[in-house]
C-alpha atoms as a PDB file:
ATOM      1  CA  MET A   1       7.251  56.029  10.797  1.00  0.00           C
ATOM      2  CA  ASN A   2       7.163  55.257   7.084  1.00  0.00           C
ATOM      3  CA  ASN A   3       5.115  58.019   5.469  1.00  0.00           C
ATOM      4  CA  PRO A   4       3.436  56.966   2.206  1.00  0.00           C
ATOM      5  CA  LEU A   5       2.938  60.631   1.286  1.00  0.00           C
ATOM      6  CA  LEU A   6       6.706  61.143   1.080  1.00  0.00           C
ATOM      7  CA  THR A   7       7.570  58.382  -1.366  1.00  0.00           C
ATOM      8  CA  GLN A   8       8.842  58.996  -4.892  1.00  0.00           C
ATOM      9  CA  ASP A   9       5.930  57.041  -6.349  1.00  0.00           C
ATOM     10  CA  LEU A  10       3.763  58.790  -8.916  1.00  0.00           C
ATOM     11  CA  LEU A  11       0.796  58.419  -6.576  1.00  0.00           C
ATOM     12  CA  PRO A  12       0.825  57.502  -2.890  1.00  0.00           C
ATOM     13  CA  LYS A  13      -0.619  54.226  -1.697  1.00  0.00           C
ATOM     14  CA  PHE A  14      -3.834  55.806  -0.475  1.00  0.00           C
ATOM     15  CA  ASP A  15      -4.873  52.736   1.478  1.00  0.00           C
ATOM     16  CA  HIS A  16      -1.759  53.217   3.667  1.00  0.00           C
ATOM     17  CA  VAL A  17      -2.240  56.946   4.343  1.00  0.00           C
ATOM     18  CA  ARG A  18      -3.307  57.907   7.834  1.00  0.00           C
ATOM     19  CA  ILE A  19      -4.220  61.311   9.195  1.00  0.00           C
ATOM     20  CA  GLU A  20      -0.988  61.545  11.201  1.00  0.00           C
ATOM     21  CA  HIS A  21       1.008  61.284   7.941  1.00  0.00           C
ATOM     22  CA  MET A  22      -0.461  64.516   6.593  1.00  0.00           C
ATOM     23  CA  GLU A  23       1.019  67.084   8.962  1.00  0.00           C
ATOM     24  CA  THR A  24       4.520  65.618   8.861  1.00  0.00           C
ATOM     25  CA  ALA A  25       4.450  65.367   5.060  1.00  0.00           C
ATOM     26  CA  ILE A  26       3.224  68.937   4.637  1.00  0.00           C
ATOM     27  CA  ASP A  27       5.803  70.254   7.127  1.00  0.00           C
ATOM     28  CA  GLN A  28       8.635  68.424   5.379  1.00  0.00           C
ATOM     29  CA  ILE A  29       7.631  69.504   1.871  1.00  0.00           C
ATOM     30  CA  LEU A  30       7.187  73.138   2.939  1.00  0.00           C
ATOM     31  CA  SER A  31      10.562  73.120   4.694  1.00  0.00           C
ATOM     32  CA  GLU A  32      12.336  71.677   1.638  1.00  0.00           C
ATOM     33  CA  ASN A  33      10.726  74.230  -0.659  1.00  0.00           C
ATOM     34  CA  ARG A  34      11.484  77.149   1.663  1.00  0.00           C
ATOM     35  CA  MET A  35      15.165  76.168   1.577  1.00  0.00           C
ATOM     36  CA  LYS A  36      15.102  76.022  -2.226  1.00  0.00           C
ATOM     37  CA  ILE A  37      13.437  79.435  -2.440  1.00  0.00           C
ATOM     38  CA  ALA A  38      15.931  80.927   0.019  1.00  0.00           C
ATOM     39  CA  THR A  39      18.780  79.690  -2.181  1.00  0.00           C
ATOM     40  CA  LEU A  40      17.209  81.292  -5.239  1.00  0.00           C
ATOM     41  CA  ALA A  41      16.557  84.560  -3.408  1.00  0.00           C
ATOM     42  CA  GLN A  42      20.243  84.921  -2.504  1.00  0.00           C
ATOM     43  CA  GLN A  43      21.320  85.308  -6.134  1.00  0.00           C
ATOM     44  CA  ASP A  44      22.880  88.673  -7.000  1.00  0.00           C
ATOM     45  CA  ASP A  45      22.147  88.544 -10.709  1.00  0.00           C
ATOM     46  CA  PRO A  46      19.320  86.068 -11.398  1.00  0.00           C
ATOM     47  CA  THR A  47      18.723  84.835 -14.924  1.00  0.00           C
ATOM     48  CA  TRP A  48      16.095  82.672 -16.586  1.00  0.00           C
ATOM     49  CA  GLU A  49      18.360  79.637 -16.218  1.00  0.00           C
ATOM     50  CA  THR A  50      19.114  80.219 -12.532  1.00  0.00           C
ATOM     51  CA  LEU A  51      15.498  80.913 -11.559  1.00  0.00           C
ATOM     52  CA  ALA A  52      12.705  79.613 -13.764  1.00  0.00           C
ATOM     53  CA  GLN A  53      14.540  76.681 -15.311  1.00  0.00           C
ATOM     54  CA  ARG A  54      15.808  75.524 -11.935  1.00  0.00           C
ATOM     55  CA  CYS A  55      12.261  75.669 -10.514  1.00  0.00           C
ATOM     56  CA  ARG A  56      11.016  73.678 -13.483  1.00  0.00           C
ATOM     57  CA  ARG A  57      13.614  70.970 -12.846  1.00  0.00           C
ATOM     58  CA  TRP A  58      12.444  70.707  -9.235  1.00  0.00           C
ATOM     59  CA  THR A  59       8.947  69.830 -10.393  1.00  0.00           C
ATOM     60  CA  THR A  60      10.087  67.225 -12.913  1.00  0.00           C
ATOM     61  CA  THR A  61      12.466  65.254 -10.699  1.00  0.00           C
END
């Protein structure tokens, strides 16, 4: 199933979104972000660059 909520477009094509897309999109996005957070949490000596700046890059890519 092609999920319009998971595209890299600035905004999804709302006329293509169906209710069944929502749960799978939310599950996938939460899973991806949990993995990113787990990676950050494993750092022994976190710094601004390895935490905050990395999180900022995630939101701008």
